[in-house]
Amino acid sequence: MYPKLFSIGPISVYGYGLMIAIGIISAVWLAMRRCPARGLDRERMFDLGFFGVLAGIVGAKLLYYIVELPAIIKDPSILLDITSGFVVYGGIIAGILVPYIYCRVKKLPFLRYLDTAIPSIPMAQGFGRIGCFLSGCCYGAPTDSVLGVTFPVGSMAPSGIPLIPTQLISSIGDFAIAAFLLWYTRKSVKREPGMAAGWYMILYGIGRFIIEFFRGDERGMVGFLSTSQFISVLILIFAVFFMLRCRKRRKDAEQAELDAKVDAELLAAEEEKKEKEKEWKREGQAFRIHETTEELTEDVQEPETDAEETEE
């Protein structure tokens, strides 16, 4: 709607770039702010956010090139445009994979950091979709509904035609997911590590699958599904198995903790039994010594008695 917001001398501020910047800054700030209450290192979270953002940008661009490969073969100059053309799923996958590798190298609890940061991801996406609306990309199909939005000439969306505002619908959905995850991961409630990330994948996957039916822009196809719908199906399947694995890991940990507790109690009982046996042994020895002492005393006293009888 407003690709260029304003200019300050030779510097122009574009709506898409501004919203992306706001989304990134607010996402990293929120993730770092949530760390102390969960016993996590804020500096480490900043590092994860930094590498995650860089990886997300690269991943989103690479997946766009893959999706648009036929067009790139026809017109290689598309590769030179680095300011537009991104696929969100590529950013999400790379933006999570690189922090995972970082946590493995630094021996950090990845799932705990991920669950702490996970509400930041849809929040950043919500701001990003507002940027899409301002620039006119990711537009919806034509509509006669009162919700239709007409983009001006110069936008990436077709001008003069009422279109479904899929960008704003996606933005509202992303902010709603962020709000749910903030509630789900509140510090007063303990959850299995990884469950919040699983819920994000499920909710975003379902929302993205649905909104794709109302999109009007070209974005590649896999069979009868759009590329994003196809990836959404894979993400949903992965999320279900991922959450089941998280629950199993939690149950295994609880069982291991219970087994360790039982073993500790049995060991303590065994130690107590040994101590009692040692104590009984010491008491038995003392009793035998006592009996021997009494016998010796009696033996010493008997001659005196005999002597007295002799005198009489």
C-alpha atoms as a PDB file:
ATOM      1  CA  MET A   1       0.000   0.000   0.000  1.00  0.00           C
ATOM      2  CA  TYR A   2       2.899   2.341   0.866  1.00  0.00           C
ATOM      3  CA  PRO A   3       6.092   0.791  -0.530  1.00  0.00           C
ATOM      4  CA  LYS A   4       8.086   3.911   0.321  1.00  0.00           C
ATOM      5  CA  LEU A   5       7.093   5.574   3.583  1.00  0.00           C
ATOM      6  CA  PHE A   6       9.348   8.632   3.520  1.00  0.00           C
ATOM      7  CA  SER A   7      12.789   9.901   2.547  1.00  0.00           C
ATOM      8  CA  ILE A   8      15.443  11.745   4.509  1.00  0.00           C
ATOM      9  CA  GLY A   9      17.773  13.250   1.963  1.00  0.00           C
ATOM     10  CA  PRO A  10      19.173  10.405  -0.140  1.00  0.00           C
ATOM     11  CA  ILE A  11      17.918   7.793   2.323  1.00  0.00           C
ATOM     12  CA  SER A  12      14.513   6.223   1.661  1.00  0.00           C
ATOM     13  CA  VAL A  13      12.600   4.239   4.252  1.00  0.00           C
ATOM     14  CA  TYR A  14      10.471   1.442   2.826  1.00  0.00           C
ATOM     15  CA  GLY A  15       7.502  -0.073   4.616  1.00  0.00           C
ATOM     16  CA  TYR A  16       8.579  -3.677   4.125  1.00  0.00           C
ATOM     17  CA  GLY A  17      12.106  -3.143   5.408  1.00  0.00           C
ATOM     18  CA  LEU A  18      10.926  -1.077   8.363  1.00  0.00           C
ATOM     19  CA  MET A  19       8.417  -3.711   9.466  1.00  0.00           C
ATOM     20  CA  ILE A  20      10.988  -6.486   9.110  1.00  0.00           C
ATOM     21  CA  ALA A  21      13.414  -4.488  11.259  1.00  0.00           C
ATOM     22  CA  ILE A  22      10.737  -3.830  13.901  1.00  0.00           C
ATOM     23  CA  GLY A  23       9.837  -7.526  13.905  1.00  0.00           C
ATOM     24  CA  ILE A  24      13.447  -8.678  14.346  1.00  0.00           C
ATOM     25  CA  ILE A  25      14.272  -6.181  17.094  1.00  0.00           C
ATOM     26  CA  SER A  26      11.079  -6.847  19.044  1.00  0.00           C
ATOM     27  CA  ALA A  27      11.512 -10.627  18.681  1.00  0.00           C
ATOM     28  CA  VAL A  28      15.083 -10.632  20.022  1.00  0.00           C
ATOM     29  CA  TRP A  29      14.120  -8.226  22.820  1.00  0.00           C
ATOM     30  CA  LEU A  30      11.189 -10.403  23.906  1.00  0.00           C
ATOM     31  CA  ALA A  31      13.252 -13.595  23.855  1.00  0.00           C
ATOM     32  CA  MET A  32      16.035 -12.017  25.926  1.00  0.00           C
ATOM     33  CA  ARG A  33      13.547 -10.516  28.387  1.00  0.00           C
ATOM     34  CA  ARG A  34      12.067 -13.969  29.085  1.00  0.00           C
ATOM     35  CA  CYS A  35      15.441 -15.586  29.856  1.00  0.00           C
ATOM     36  CA  PRO A  36      16.108 -14.624  33.532  1.00  0.00           C
ATOM     37  CA  ALA A  37      12.815 -16.058  34.811  1.00  0.00           C
ATOM     38  CA  ARG A  38      13.674 -19.363  33.157  1.00  0.00           C
ATOM     39  CA  GLY A  39      17.281 -19.566  34.274  1.00  0.00           C
ATOM     40  CA  LEU A  40      18.732 -18.976  30.803  1.00  0.00           C
ATOM     41  CA  ASP A  41      21.602 -16.764  29.681  1.00  0.00           C
ATOM     42  CA  ARG A  42      20.464 -13.573  27.932  1.00  0.00           C
ATOM     43  CA  GLU A  43      23.765 -13.208  26.066  1.00  0.00           C
ATOM     44  CA  ARG A  44      23.441 -16.715  24.690  1.00  0.00           C
ATOM     45  CA  MET A  45      19.902 -15.913  23.595  1.00  0.00           C
ATOM     46  CA  PHE A  46      21.156 -12.827  21.784  1.00  0.00           C
ATOM     47  CA  ASP A  47      23.726 -14.964  19.966  1.00  0.00           C
ATOM     48  CA  LEU A  48      21.033 -17.467  19.024  1.00  0.00           C
ATOM     49  CA  GLY A  49      18.807 -14.657  17.771  1.00  0.00           C
ATOM     50  CA  PHE A  50      21.609 -13.087  15.750  1.00  0.00           C
ATOM     51  CA  PHE A  51      22.635 -16.305  14.018  1.00  0.00           C
ATOM     52  CA  GLY A  52      19.015 -17.365  13.657  1.00  0.00           C
ATOM     53  CA  VAL A  53      18.067 -14.125  11.879  1.00  0.00           C
ATOM     54  CA  LEU A  54      21.004 -14.341   9.488  1.00  0.00           C
ATOM     55  CA  ALA A  55      20.255 -17.980   8.742  1.00  0.00           C
ATOM     56  CA  GLY A  56      16.560 -17.175   8.326  1.00  0.00           C
ATOM     57  CA  ILE A  57      17.259 -14.501   5.699  1.00  0.00           C
ATOM     58  CA  VAL A  58      19.573 -16.795   3.767  1.00  0.00           C
ATOM     59  CA  GLY A  59      17.198 -19.760   4.075  1.00  0.00           C
ATOM     60  CA  ALA A  60      14.186 -17.765   2.922  1.00  0.00           C
ATOM     61  CA  LYS A  61      16.122 -16.528  -0.109  1.00  0.00           C
ATOM     62  CA  LEU A  62      17.466 -19.972  -1.009  1.00  0.00           C
ATOM     63  CA  LEU A  63      14.020 -21.564  -0.880  1.00  0.00           C
ATOM     64  CA  TYR A  64      12.703 -18.747  -3.079  1.00  0.00           C
ATOM     65  CA  TYR A  65      15.399 -19.531  -5.651  1.00  0.00           C
ATOM     66  CA  ILE A  66      14.444 -23.214  -5.505  1.00  0.00           C
ATOM     67  CA  VAL A  67      10.749 -22.461  -5.974  1.00  0.00           C
ATOM     68  CA  GLU A  68      11.420 -20.012  -8.804  1.00  0.00           C
ATOM     69  CA  LEU A  69      14.077 -22.154 -10.495  1.00  0.00           C
ATOM     70  CA  PRO A  70      12.200 -22.439 -13.818  1.00  0.00           C
ATOM     71  CA  ALA A  71      11.817 -18.647 -13.982  1.00  0.00           C
ATOM     72  CA  ILE A  72      15.469 -18.151 -12.998  1.00  0.00           C
ATOM     73  CA  ILE A  73      16.594 -20.458 -15.805  1.00  0.00           C
ATOM     74  CA  LYS A  74      14.661 -18.287 -18.250  1.00  0.00           C
ATOM     75  CA  ASP A  75      15.835 -15.025 -16.684  1.00  0.00           C
ATOM     76  CA  PRO A  76      19.028 -15.350 -14.571  1.00  0.00           C
ATOM     77  CA  SER A  77      18.858 -11.654 -13.692  1.00  0.00           C
ATOM     78  CA  ILE A  78      16.359 -12.626 -10.976  1.00  0.00           C
ATOM     79  CA  LEU A  79      19.361 -13.775  -8.941  1.00  0.00           C
ATOM     80  CA  LEU A  80      20.594 -10.197  -8.767  1.00  0.00           C
ATOM     81  CA  ASP A  81      17.484  -9.000  -6.918  1.00  0.00           C
ATOM     82  CA  ILE A  82      18.375  -9.600  -3.275  1.00  0.00           C
ATOM     83  CA  THR A  83      15.862  -7.144  -1.774  1.00  0.00           C
ATOM     84  CA  SER A  84      12.704  -9.076  -2.643  1.00  0.00           C
ATOM     85  CA  GLY A  85      11.637 -12.659  -3.104  1.00  0.00           C
ATOM     86  CA  PHE A  86      11.619 -14.695   0.109  1.00  0.00           C
ATOM     87  CA  VAL A  87       9.798 -17.855   1.199  1.00  0.00           C
ATOM     88  CA  VAL A  88       8.949 -17.789   4.903  1.00  0.00           C
ATOM     89  CA  TYR A  89       9.271 -21.535   5.432  1.00  0.00           C
ATOM     90  CA  GLY A  90      12.874 -21.440   4.247  1.00  0.00           C
ATOM     91  CA  GLY A  91      13.582 -18.789   6.871  1.00  0.00           C
ATOM     92  CA  ILE A  92      11.848 -20.750   9.634  1.00  0.00           C
ATOM     93  CA  ILE A  93      13.690 -23.993   8.874  1.00  0.00           C
ATOM     94  CA  ALA A  94      17.137 -22.386   8.575  1.00  0.00           C
ATOM     95  CA  GLY A  95      16.419 -20.014  11.462  1.00  0.00           C
ATOM     96  CA  ILE A  96      15.845 -22.988  13.785  1.00  0.00           C
ATOM     97  CA  LEU A  97      18.451 -25.356  12.349  1.00  0.00           C
ATOM     98  CA  VAL A  98      21.436 -23.027  12.820  1.00  0.00           C
ATOM     99  CA  PRO A  99      20.615 -22.228  16.495  1.00  0.00           C
ATOM    100  CA  TYR A 100      20.224 -25.986  17.056  1.00  0.00           C
ATOM    101  CA  ILE A 101      23.753 -26.548  15.740  1.00  0.00           C
ATOM    102  CA  TYR A 102      24.994 -23.641  17.878  1.00  0.00           C
ATOM    103  CA  CYS A 103      23.440 -25.180  21.004  1.00  0.00           C
ATOM    104  CA  ARG A 104      24.955 -28.560  20.217  1.00  0.00           C
ATOM    105  CA  VAL A 105      28.403 -27.028  19.862  1.00  0.00           C
ATOM    106  CA  LYS A 106      28.069 -24.911  23.020  1.00  0.00           C
ATOM    107  CA  LYS A 107      26.315 -27.739  24.926  1.00  0.00           C
ATOM    108  CA  LEU A 108      23.239 -25.624  25.660  1.00  0.00           C
ATOM    109  CA  PRO A 109      19.694 -26.949  26.327  1.00  0.00           C
ATOM    110  CA  PHE A 110      18.305 -26.263  22.852  1.00  0.00           C
ATOM    111  CA  LEU A 111      14.651 -27.090  23.573  1.00  0.00           C
ATOM    112  CA  ARG A 112      14.556 -24.806  26.613  1.00  0.00           C
ATOM    113  CA  TYR A 113      15.973 -21.921  24.600  1.00  0.00           C
ATOM    114  CA  LEU A 114      13.636 -22.708  21.705  1.00  0.00           C
ATOM    115  CA  ASP A 115      10.509 -22.758  23.877  1.00  0.00           C
ATOM    116  CA  THR A 116      11.564 -19.475  25.474  1.00  0.00           C
ATOM    117  CA  ALA A 117      12.091 -17.819  22.095  1.00  0.00           C
ATOM    118  CA  ILE A 118       9.233 -19.460  20.188  1.00  0.00           C
ATOM    119  CA  PRO A 119       6.596 -16.720  20.815  1.00  0.00           C
ATOM    120  CA  SER A 120       9.000 -14.253  19.206  1.00  0.00           C
ATOM    121  CA  ILE A 121       8.861 -16.032  15.846  1.00  0.00           C
ATOM    122  CA  PRO A 122       5.147 -15.504  15.042  1.00  0.00           C
ATOM    123  CA  MET A 123       5.373 -11.998  16.512  1.00  0.00           C
ATOM    124  CA  ALA A 124       8.143 -11.141  14.041  1.00  0.00           C
ATOM    125  CA  GLN A 125       6.113 -12.758  11.269  1.00  0.00           C
ATOM    126  CA  GLY A 126       3.127 -10.589  12.199  1.00  0.00           C
ATOM    127  CA  PHE A 127       5.155  -7.421  11.682  1.00  0.00           C
ATOM    128  CA  GLY A 128       6.622  -8.891   8.492  1.00  0.00           C
ATOM    129  CA  ARG A 129       3.153  -9.486   7.041  1.00  0.00           C
ATOM    130  CA  ILE A 130       2.282  -5.863   7.696  1.00  0.00           C
ATOM    131  CA  GLY A 131       5.359  -5.054   5.643  1.00  0.00           C
ATOM    132  CA  CYS A 132       4.015  -7.328   2.908  1.00  0.00           C
ATOM    133  CA  PHE A 133       0.768  -5.364   2.942  1.00  0.00           C
ATOM    134  CA  LEU A 134       2.605  -2.041   2.679  1.00  0.00           C
ATOM    135  CA  SER A 135       4.650  -3.215  -0.307  1.00  0.00           C
ATOM    136  CA  GLY A 136       1.811  -5.172  -1.921  1.00  0.00           C
ATOM    137  CA  CYS A 137       3.493  -8.584  -2.068  1.00  0.00           C
ATOM    138  CA  CYS A 138       1.845 -11.854  -0.995  1.00  0.00           C
ATOM    139  CA  TYR A 139      -1.489 -10.408  -2.123  1.00  0.00           C
ATOM    140  CA  GLY A 140      -4.804 -12.203  -2.194  1.00  0.00           C
ATOM    141  CA  ALA A 141      -7.179 -13.268  -4.928  1.00  0.00           C
ATOM    142  CA  PRO A 142      -9.725 -10.833  -6.430  1.00  0.00           C
ATOM    143  CA  THR A 143     -12.900 -10.440  -4.380  1.00  0.00           C
ATOM    144  CA  ASP A 144     -16.220  -8.601  -4.347  1.00  0.00           C
ATOM    145  CA  SER A 145     -16.313  -8.656  -0.549  1.00  0.00           C
ATOM    146  CA  VAL A 146     -16.355  -5.466   1.496  1.00  0.00           C
ATOM    147  CA  LEU A 147     -13.025  -6.648   2.899  1.00  0.00           C
ATOM    148  CA  GLY A 148     -11.382  -6.236  -0.495  1.00  0.00           C
ATOM    149  CA  VAL A 149      -8.416  -3.860  -0.677  1.00  0.00           C
ATOM    150  CA  THR A 150      -7.389  -1.988  -3.828  1.00  0.00           C
ATOM    151  CA  PHE A 151      -3.680  -1.336  -4.190  1.00  0.00           C
ATOM    152  CA  PRO A 152      -2.383   1.787  -5.922  1.00  0.00           C
ATOM    153  CA  VAL A 153      -0.246   1.873  -9.024  1.00  0.00           C
ATOM    154  CA  GLY A 154       3.379   1.093  -8.162  1.00  0.00           C
ATOM    155  CA  SER A 155       2.597  -1.680  -5.710  1.00  0.00           C
ATOM    156  CA  MET A 156       3.667  -5.259  -6.293  1.00  0.00           C
ATOM    157  CA  ALA A 157      -0.006  -6.264  -6.243  1.00  0.00           C
ATOM    158  CA  PRO A 158      -2.270  -5.651  -9.242  1.00  0.00           C
ATOM    159  CA  SER A 159      -3.708  -2.132  -9.030  1.00  0.00           C
ATOM    160  CA  GLY A 160      -7.338  -1.132  -9.406  1.00  0.00           C
ATOM    161  CA  ILE A 161      -8.689  -4.569  -8.409  1.00  0.00           C
ATOM    162  CA  PRO A 162     -10.169  -5.346  -4.951  1.00  0.00           C
ATOM    163  CA  LEU A 163      -8.072  -8.121  -3.452  1.00  0.00           C
ATOM    164  CA  ILE A 164      -8.403 -10.252  -0.317  1.00  0.00           C
ATOM    165  CA  PRO A 165      -6.025  -8.724   2.275  1.00  0.00           C
ATOM    166  CA  THR A 166      -4.278 -12.027   2.943  1.00  0.00           C
ATOM    167  CA  GLN A 167      -1.300 -10.157   4.404  1.00  0.00           C
ATOM    168  CA  LEU A 168      -3.362  -8.590   7.178  1.00  0.00           C
ATOM    169  CA  ILE A 169      -5.263 -11.829   7.825  1.00  0.00           C
ATOM    170  CA  SER A 170      -1.927 -13.634   8.159  1.00  0.00           C
ATOM    171  CA  SER A 171      -0.621 -10.885  10.429  1.00  0.00           C
ATOM    172  CA  ILE A 172      -3.613 -11.181  12.772  1.00  0.00           C
ATOM    173  CA  GLY A 173      -3.182 -14.950  12.831  1.00  0.00           C
ATOM    174  CA  ASP A 174       0.537 -14.648  13.601  1.00  0.00           C
ATOM    175  CA  PHE A 175      -0.072 -12.251  16.497  1.00  0.00           C
ATOM    176  CA  ALA A 176      -2.784 -14.588  17.816  1.00  0.00           C
ATOM    177  CA  ILE A 177      -0.331 -17.524  17.743  1.00  0.00           C
ATOM    178  CA  ALA A 178       2.258 -15.388  19.547  1.00  0.00           C
ATOM    179  CA  ALA A 179      -0.300 -14.505  22.238  1.00  0.00           C
ATOM    180  CA  PHE A 180      -1.239 -18.166  22.694  1.00  0.00           C
ATOM    181  CA  LEU A 181       2.399 -19.216  22.997  1.00  0.00           C
ATOM    182  CA  LEU A 182       3.086 -16.482  25.551  1.00  0.00           C
ATOM    183  CA  TRP A 183       0.196 -17.856  27.590  1.00  0.00           C
ATOM    184  CA  TYR A 184       1.256 -21.474  27.043  1.00  0.00           C
ATOM    185  CA  THR A 185       4.853 -20.834  28.103  1.00  0.00           C
ATOM    186  CA  ARG A 186       4.064 -18.644  31.125  1.00  0.00           C
ATOM    187  CA  LYS A 187       6.590 -19.272  33.879  1.00  0.00           C
ATOM    188  CA  SER A 188       3.997 -20.387  36.427  1.00  0.00           C
ATOM    189  CA  VAL A 189       3.329 -23.606  34.480  1.00  0.00           C
ATOM    190  CA  LYS A 190       5.884 -26.319  33.667  1.00  0.00           C
ATOM    191  CA  ARG A 191       5.679 -27.888  30.210  1.00  0.00           C
ATOM    192  CA  GLU A 192       7.620 -30.624  28.510  1.00  0.00           C
ATOM    193  CA  PRO A 193      10.587 -29.059  26.691  1.00  0.00           C
ATOM    194  CA  GLY A 194       9.770 -28.700  23.000  1.00  0.00           C
ATOM    195  CA  MET A 195       5.983 -28.752  23.332  1.00  0.00           C
ATOM    196  CA  ALA A 196       5.642 -25.000  22.710  1.00  0.00           C
ATOM    197  CA  ALA A 197       7.665 -25.324  19.511  1.00  0.00           C
ATOM    198  CA  GLY A 198       5.424 -28.201  18.479  1.00  0.00           C
ATOM    199  CA  TRP A 199       2.290 -26.120  18.985  1.00  0.00           C
ATOM    200  CA  TYR A 200       3.809 -23.305  16.920  1.00  0.00           C
ATOM    201  CA  MET A 201       4.467 -25.654  14.019  1.00  0.00           C
ATOM    202  CA  ILE A 202       0.934 -27.050  14.191  1.00  0.00           C
ATOM    203  CA  LEU A 203      -0.866 -23.716  14.480  1.00  0.00           C
ATOM    204  CA  TYR A 204       1.221 -21.932  11.876  1.00  0.00           C
ATOM    205  CA  GLY A 205       1.100 -24.923   9.530  1.00  0.00           C
ATOM    206  CA  ILE A 206      -2.703 -25.067   9.678  1.00  0.00           C
ATOM    207  CA  GLY A 207      -3.059 -21.310   9.270  1.00  0.00           C
ATOM    208  CA  ARG A 208      -0.638 -21.184   6.357  1.00  0.00           C
ATOM    209  CA  PHE A 209      -2.317 -24.122   4.638  1.00  0.00           C
ATOM    210  CA  ILE A 210      -5.693 -22.363   4.825  1.00  0.00           C
ATOM    211  CA  ILE A 211      -4.564 -18.869   3.806  1.00  0.00           C
ATOM    212  CA  GLU A 212      -2.894 -20.281   0.696  1.00  0.00           C
ATOM    213  CA  PHE A 213      -6.348 -20.930  -0.778  1.00  0.00           C
ATOM    214  CA  PHE A 214      -6.975 -17.177  -0.789  1.00  0.00           C
ATOM    215  CA  ARG A 215      -3.620 -16.070  -2.211  1.00  0.00           C
ATOM    216  CA  GLY A 216      -3.520 -14.623  -5.723  1.00  0.00           C
ATOM    217  CA  ASP A 217       0.214 -14.328  -6.365  1.00  0.00           C
ATOM    218  CA  GLU A 218       2.430 -16.855  -8.121  1.00  0.00           C
ATOM    219  CA  ARG A 219       4.360 -18.964  -5.600  1.00  0.00           C
ATOM    220  CA  GLY A 220       5.050 -22.366  -7.147  1.00  0.00           C
ATOM    221  CA  MET A 221       3.139 -25.642  -7.043  1.00  0.00           C
ATOM    222  CA  VAL A 222       3.817 -29.208  -5.927  1.00  0.00           C
ATOM    223  CA  GLY A 223       1.097 -31.245  -7.614  1.00  0.00           C
ATOM    224  CA  PHE A 224      -2.236 -29.687  -6.730  1.00  0.00           C
ATOM    225  CA  LEU A 225      -0.821 -27.943  -3.630  1.00  0.00           C
ATOM    226  CA  SER A 226       1.127 -24.744  -3.468  1.00  0.00           C
ATOM    227  CA  THR A 227       4.720 -25.064  -2.313  1.00  0.00           C
ATOM    228  CA  SER A 228       3.828 -23.624   1.091  1.00  0.00           C
ATOM    229  CA  GLN A 229       0.856 -25.979   1.468  1.00  0.00           C
ATOM    230  CA  PHE A 230       3.057 -28.961   0.650  1.00  0.00           C
ATOM    231  CA  ILE A 231       5.637 -27.837   3.223  1.00  0.00           C
ATOM    232  CA  SER A 232       2.821 -27.201   5.730  1.00  0.00           C
ATOM    233  CA  VAL A 233       1.718 -30.830   5.456  1.00  0.00           C
ATOM    234  CA  LEU A 234       5.280 -32.012   6.074  1.00  0.00           C
ATOM    235  CA  ILE A 235       5.642 -29.622   9.018  1.00  0.00           C
ATOM    236  CA  LEU A 236       2.380 -30.844  10.562  1.00  0.00           C
ATOM    237  CA  ILE A 237       3.449 -34.481  10.308  1.00  0.00           C
ATOM    238  CA  PHE A 238       6.841 -33.662  11.756  1.00  0.00           C
ATOM    239  CA  ALA A 239       5.250 -31.625  14.573  1.00  0.00           C
ATOM    240  CA  VAL A 240       3.036 -34.529  15.680  1.00  0.00           C
ATOM    241  CA  PHE A 241       5.977 -36.945  15.887  1.00  0.00           C
ATOM    242  CA  PHE A 242       8.122 -34.252  17.492  1.00  0.00           C
ATOM    243  CA  MET A 243       5.557 -33.636  20.260  1.00  0.00           C
ATOM    244  CA  LEU A 244       5.093 -37.356  20.864  1.00  0.00           C
ATOM    245  CA  ARG A 245       8.856 -37.658  21.166  1.00  0.00           C
ATOM    246  CA  CYS A 246       8.933 -34.764  23.650  1.00  0.00           C
ATOM    247  CA  ARG A 247       6.287 -36.447  25.795  1.00  0.00           C
ATOM    248  CA  LYS A 248       8.153 -39.756  25.687  1.00  0.00           C
ATOM    249  CA  ARG A 249      11.388 -38.018  26.646  1.00  0.00           C
ATOM    250  CA  ARG A 250       9.633 -36.376  29.594  1.00  0.00           C
ATOM    251  CA  LYS A 251       8.126 -39.689  30.746  1.00  0.00           C
ATOM    252  CA  ASP A 252      11.486 -41.418  30.396  1.00  0.00           C
ATOM    253  CA  ALA A 253      13.095 -38.660  32.458  1.00  0.00           C
ATOM    254  CA  GLU A 254      10.401 -38.945  35.138  1.00  0.00           C
ATOM    255  CA  GLN A 255      10.786 -42.740  35.190  1.00  0.00           C
ATOM    256  CA  ALA A 256      14.563 -42.421  35.443  1.00  0.00           C
ATOM    257  CA  GLU A 257      14.129 -39.952  38.300  1.00  0.00           C
ATOM    258  CA  LEU A 258      11.722 -42.327  40.059  1.00  0.00           C
ATOM    259  CA  ASP A 259      14.092 -45.267  39.548  1.00  0.00           C
ATOM    260  CA  ALA A 260      16.979 -43.233  40.906  1.00  0.00           C
ATOM    261  CA  LYS A 261      14.894 -42.296  43.945  1.00  0.00           C
ATOM    262  CA  VAL A 262      13.958 -45.930  44.590  1.00  0.00           C
ATOM    263  CA  ASP A 263      17.582 -47.002  44.159  1.00  0.00           C
ATOM    264  CA  ALA A 264      18.689 -44.308  46.588  1.00  0.00           C
ATOM    265  CA  GLU A 265      16.108 -45.444  49.151  1.00  0.00           C
ATOM    266  CA  LEU A 266      17.179 -49.087  48.759  1.00  0.00           C
ATOM    267  CA  LEU A 267      20.822 -48.101  49.098  1.00  0.00           C
ATOM    268  CA  ALA A 268      20.043 -46.053  52.191  1.00  0.00           C
ATOM    269  CA  ALA A 269      18.110 -49.001  53.680  1.00  0.00           C
ATOM    270  CA  GLU A 270      21.016 -51.325  52.924  1.00  0.00           C
ATOM    271  CA  GLU A 271      23.483 -48.925  54.524  1.00  0.00           C
ATOM    272  CA  GLU A 272      21.230 -48.634  57.566  1.00  0.00           C
ATOM    273  CA  LYS A 273      21.044 -52.431  57.800  1.00  0.00           C
ATOM    274  CA  LYS A 274      24.817 -52.710  57.651  1.00  0.00           C
ATOM    275  CA  GLU A 275      25.210 -50.065  60.346  1.00  0.00           C
ATOM    276  CA  LYS A 276      22.780 -51.932  62.581  1.00  0.00           C
ATOM    277  CA  GLU A 277      24.629 -55.191  62.015  1.00  0.00           C
ATOM    278  CA  LYS A 278      27.884 -53.481  62.914  1.00  0.00           C
ATOM    279  CA  GLU A 279      26.237 -52.032  66.002  1.00  0.00           C
ATOM    280  CA  TRP A 280      24.838 -55.427  66.999  1.00  0.00           C
ATOM    281  CA  LYS A 281      28.253 -56.974  66.492  1.00  0.00           C
ATOM    282  CA  ARG A 282      29.870 -54.349  68.688  1.00  0.00           C
ATOM    283  CA  GLU A 283      27.212 -54.861  71.340  1.00  0.00           C
ATOM    284  CA  GLY A 284      27.716 -58.641  71.157  1.00  0.00           C
ATOM    285  CA  GLN A 285      31.419 -58.268  71.608  1.00  0.00           C
ATOM    286  CA  ALA A 286      30.876 -55.939  74.516  1.00  0.00           C
ATOM    287  CA  PHE A 287      28.466 -58.433  76.067  1.00  0.00           C
ATOM    288  CA  ARG A 288      30.978 -61.276  75.757  1.00  0.00           C
ATOM    289  CA  ILE A 289      33.706 -59.100  77.242  1.00  0.00           C
ATOM    290  CA  HIS A 290      31.359 -58.261  80.082  1.00  0.00           C
ATOM    291  CA  GLU A 291      30.670 -61.962  80.748  1.00  0.00           C
ATOM    292  CA  THR A 292      34.373 -62.794  80.690  1.00  0.00           C
ATOM    293  CA  THR A 293      35.066 -59.974  83.129  1.00  0.00           C
ATOM    294  CA  GLU A 294      32.447 -61.278  85.523  1.00  0.00           C
ATOM    295  CA  GLU A 295      33.897 -64.804  85.362  1.00  0.00           C
ATOM    296  CA  LEU A 296      37.358 -63.499  86.130  1.00  0.00           C
ATOM    297  CA  THR A 297      35.991 -61.529  89.054  1.00  0.00           C
ATOM    298  CA  GLU A 298      34.303 -64.594  90.463  1.00  0.00           C
ATOM    299  CA  ASP A 299      37.513 -66.627  90.104  1.00  0.00           C
ATOM    300  CA  VAL A 300      39.475 -64.006  91.975  1.00  0.00           C
ATOM    301  CA  GLN A 301      36.912 -63.811  94.778  1.00  0.00           C
ATOM    302  CA  GLU A 302      36.580 -67.595  95.360  1.00  0.00           C
ATOM    303  CA  PRO A 303      40.032 -68.155  97.026  1.00  0.00           C
ATOM    304  CA  GLU A 304      39.241 -65.434  99.552  1.00  0.00           C
ATOM    305  CA  THR A 305      36.140 -67.337 100.548  1.00  0.00           C
ATOM    306  CA  ASP A 306      38.101 -70.555 100.910  1.00  0.00           C
ATOM    307  CA  ALA A 307      40.702 -68.767 103.024  1.00  0.00           C
ATOM    308  CA  GLU A 308      38.054 -67.480 105.355  1.00  0.00           C
ATOM    309  CA  GLU A 309      36.587 -70.956 105.788  1.00  0.00           C
ATOM    310  CA  THR A 310      40.097 -72.369 106.579  1.00  0.00           C
ATOM    311  CA  GLU A 311      40.659 -69.781 109.311  1.00  0.00           C
ATOM    312  CA  GLU A 312      37.442 -70.765 110.925  1.00  0.00           C
END
